[in-house]
């Protein structure tokens, strides 16, 4: 899943950012049997949101390639 837009504008999420965050948060809870790979492009390394880090079925990849 592409989560680039979650790392824009700091803590203030726009409508699409909030929607994406909520969809992923709920998917992790209702389908724990699935494995989720998140990716984004950024020069800085970012962490998954704290509550997502508690799930063992998640993996995050930063390609460090500019858009």
N, C-alpha and C. Protein backbone atom coordinates (compact mmCIF):
# COMPACT_ATOMS: atom_id res chain seq x y z
N UNK A 1 0.83 -1.17 0.00
CA UNK A 1 0.00 0.00 0.00
C UNK A 1 0.88 1.24 0.00
N UNK A 2 0.55 2.16 -0.83
CA UNK A 2 1.27 3.43 -0.90
C UNK A 2 0.75 4.35 0.19
N UNK A 3 1.61 4.72 1.13
CA UNK A 3 1.19 5.60 2.23
C UNK A 3 1.95 6.92 2.22
N UNK A 4 2.44 7.33 1.05
CA UNK A 4 3.18 8.59 0.95
C UNK A 4 2.42 9.77 1.52
N UNK A 5 1.16 9.84 1.23
CA UNK A 5 0.41 11.03 1.63
C UNK A 5 0.23 11.14 3.14
N UNK A 6 0.43 10.05 3.88
CA UNK A 6 0.33 10.12 5.33
C UNK A 6 1.48 10.89 5.96
N UNK A 7 2.57 11.06 5.23
CA UNK A 7 3.74 11.74 5.78
C UNK A 7 3.87 13.18 5.31
N UNK A 8 2.80 13.74 4.81
CA UNK A 8 2.80 15.14 4.40
C UNK A 8 2.12 15.97 5.48
N UNK A 9 2.54 17.20 5.62
CA UNK A 9 1.90 18.19 6.50
C UNK A 9 1.93 17.83 7.98
N UNK A 10 2.87 17.04 8.42
CA UNK A 10 3.01 16.76 9.85
C UNK A 10 1.81 16.06 10.44
N UNK A 11 1.37 16.52 11.60
CA UNK A 11 0.29 15.86 12.33
C UNK A 11 -1.09 16.26 11.85
N UNK A 12 -1.21 17.34 11.09
CA UNK A 12 -2.52 17.80 10.61
C UNK A 12 -2.87 17.06 9.33
N UNK A 13 -3.80 16.12 9.42
CA UNK A 13 -4.16 15.33 8.26
C UNK A 13 -5.29 15.98 7.49
N UNK A 14 -5.20 15.89 6.16
CA UNK A 14 -6.29 16.35 5.30
C UNK A 14 -7.35 15.26 5.27
N UNK A 15 -8.42 15.49 4.54
CA UNK A 15 -9.50 14.51 4.44
C UNK A 15 -9.03 13.18 3.86
N UNK A 16 -8.26 13.23 2.77
CA UNK A 16 -7.77 12.00 2.14
C UNK A 16 -6.76 11.31 3.04
N UNK A 17 -5.93 12.08 3.71
CA UNK A 17 -4.97 11.48 4.64
C UNK A 17 -5.70 10.76 5.78
N UNK A 18 -6.69 11.40 6.34
CA UNK A 18 -7.45 10.80 7.44
C UNK A 18 -8.19 9.56 6.97
N UNK A 19 -8.78 9.63 5.79
CA UNK A 19 -9.50 8.49 5.22
C UNK A 19 -8.56 7.29 5.05
N UNK A 20 -7.39 7.53 4.47
CA UNK A 20 -6.40 6.46 4.27
C UNK A 20 -5.96 5.88 5.60
N UNK A 21 -5.68 6.74 6.55
CA UNK A 21 -5.26 6.29 7.88
C UNK A 21 -6.33 5.40 8.51
N UNK A 22 -7.58 5.81 8.43
CA UNK A 22 -8.68 5.05 9.04
C UNK A 22 -8.89 3.71 8.33
N UNK A 23 -8.83 3.71 7.00
CA UNK A 23 -9.00 2.46 6.24
C UNK A 23 -7.92 1.45 6.64
N UNK A 24 -6.68 1.88 6.65
CA UNK A 24 -5.58 0.97 7.00
C UNK A 24 -5.71 0.51 8.45
N UNK A 25 -6.03 1.41 9.36
CA UNK A 25 -6.18 1.04 10.77
C UNK A 25 -7.24 -0.03 10.95
N UNK A 26 -8.36 0.11 10.25
CA UNK A 26 -9.43 -0.87 10.37
C UNK A 26 -9.08 -2.20 9.67
N UNK A 27 -8.40 -2.12 8.54
CA UNK A 27 -7.97 -3.35 7.86
C UNK A 27 -7.06 -4.19 8.76
N UNK A 28 -6.14 -3.54 9.44
CA UNK A 28 -5.23 -4.26 10.32
C UNK A 28 -5.98 -4.99 11.43
N UNK A 29 -7.06 -4.39 11.89
CA UNK A 29 -7.83 -4.99 12.98
C UNK A 29 -8.75 -6.12 12.51
N UNK A 30 -9.39 -5.94 11.36
CA UNK A 30 -10.39 -6.93 10.93
C UNK A 30 -9.81 -8.07 10.10
N UNK A 31 -8.59 -7.89 9.58
CA UNK A 31 -7.99 -8.95 8.75
C UNK A 31 -6.54 -9.20 9.18
N UNK A 32 -6.33 -9.63 10.42
CA UNK A 32 -4.96 -9.84 10.90
C UNK A 32 -4.25 -11.02 10.24
N UNK A 33 -4.98 -11.85 9.53
CA UNK A 33 -4.35 -12.98 8.85
C UNK A 33 -3.59 -12.54 7.60
N UNK A 34 -3.86 -11.34 7.12
CA UNK A 34 -3.17 -10.81 5.94
C UNK A 34 -1.85 -10.15 6.34
N UNK A 35 -0.95 -10.05 5.38
CA UNK A 35 0.30 -9.33 5.58
C UNK A 35 0.23 -8.04 4.78
N UNK A 36 0.70 -6.95 5.39
CA UNK A 36 0.60 -5.64 4.76
C UNK A 36 1.99 -5.04 4.58
N UNK A 37 2.27 -4.64 3.36
CA UNK A 37 3.53 -3.97 3.07
C UNK A 37 3.19 -2.54 2.67
N UNK A 38 3.73 -1.59 3.42
CA UNK A 38 3.51 -0.18 3.16
C UNK A 38 4.78 0.40 2.54
N UNK A 39 4.62 1.32 1.61
CA UNK A 39 5.78 1.96 1.04
C UNK A 39 5.54 3.45 0.85
N UNK A 40 6.64 4.18 0.79
CA UNK A 40 6.60 5.62 0.55
C UNK A 40 7.94 6.05 -0.01
N UNK A 41 7.98 7.22 -0.59
CA UNK A 41 9.20 7.83 -1.11
C UNK A 41 9.52 9.05 -0.27
N UNK A 42 10.69 9.06 0.32
CA UNK A 42 11.09 10.21 1.13
C UNK A 42 12.58 10.13 1.40
N UNK A 43 13.23 11.28 1.49
CA UNK A 43 14.63 11.28 1.86
C UNK A 43 14.78 10.95 3.34
N UNK A 44 13.76 11.24 4.12
CA UNK A 44 13.79 10.96 5.55
C UNK A 44 13.13 9.62 5.83
N UNK A 45 13.67 8.91 6.80
CA UNK A 45 13.05 7.64 7.20
C UNK A 45 11.93 7.95 8.18
N UNK A 46 10.76 7.38 7.93
CA UNK A 46 9.61 7.57 8.80
C UNK A 46 9.21 6.25 9.42
N UNK A 47 8.55 6.32 10.54
CA UNK A 47 8.05 5.13 11.22
C UNK A 47 6.56 4.97 10.93
N UNK A 48 6.09 3.74 11.05
CA UNK A 48 4.65 3.51 10.98
C UNK A 48 4.00 4.22 12.16
N UNK A 49 2.75 4.61 12.00
CA UNK A 49 2.05 5.15 13.18
C UNK A 49 2.15 4.14 14.32
N UNK A 50 2.28 4.64 15.54
CA UNK A 50 2.53 3.80 16.71
C UNK A 50 1.58 2.62 16.81
N UNK A 51 0.29 2.85 16.61
CA UNK A 51 -0.68 1.77 16.75
C UNK A 51 -0.53 0.70 15.67
N UNK A 52 0.02 1.06 14.51
CA UNK A 52 0.26 0.07 13.45
C UNK A 52 1.48 -0.78 13.78
N UNK A 53 2.42 -0.22 14.50
CA UNK A 53 3.66 -0.94 14.82
C UNK A 53 3.41 -2.14 15.72
N UNK A 54 2.28 -2.17 16.40
CA UNK A 54 1.95 -3.28 17.29
C UNK A 54 1.57 -4.55 16.53
N UNK A 55 1.25 -4.42 15.25
CA UNK A 55 0.87 -5.56 14.44
C UNK A 55 2.11 -6.20 13.83
N UNK A 56 2.23 -7.50 13.96
CA UNK A 56 3.41 -8.22 13.44
C UNK A 56 3.30 -8.48 11.94
N UNK A 57 2.13 -8.24 11.36
CA UNK A 57 1.90 -8.52 9.94
C UNK A 57 2.12 -7.29 9.06
N UNK A 58 2.86 -6.29 9.56
CA UNK A 58 3.12 -5.07 8.79
C UNK A 58 4.61 -4.92 8.50
N UNK A 59 4.89 -4.32 7.37
CA UNK A 59 6.26 -4.04 6.96
C UNK A 59 6.25 -2.72 6.22
N UNK A 60 7.25 -1.89 6.48
CA UNK A 60 7.31 -0.59 5.81
C UNK A 60 8.61 -0.50 5.01
N UNK A 61 8.51 0.06 3.81
CA UNK A 61 9.66 0.21 2.91
C UNK A 61 9.74 1.64 2.43
N UNK A 62 10.90 2.25 2.61
CA UNK A 62 11.15 3.59 2.09
C UNK A 62 12.11 3.46 0.92
N UNK A 63 11.68 3.89 -0.26
CA UNK A 63 12.52 3.77 -1.44
C UNK A 63 13.48 4.95 -1.62
N UNK A 64 13.29 6.04 -0.91
CA UNK A 64 14.14 7.22 -0.98
C UNK A 64 14.37 7.70 -2.40
N UNK A 65 13.32 7.60 -3.19
CA UNK A 65 13.35 8.09 -4.57
C UNK A 65 12.38 9.25 -4.63
N UNK A 66 12.80 10.43 -5.08
CA UNK A 66 11.87 11.56 -5.12
C UNK A 66 10.74 11.32 -6.12
N UNK A 67 9.59 11.89 -5.82
CA UNK A 67 8.42 11.76 -6.72
C UNK A 67 8.63 12.50 -8.00
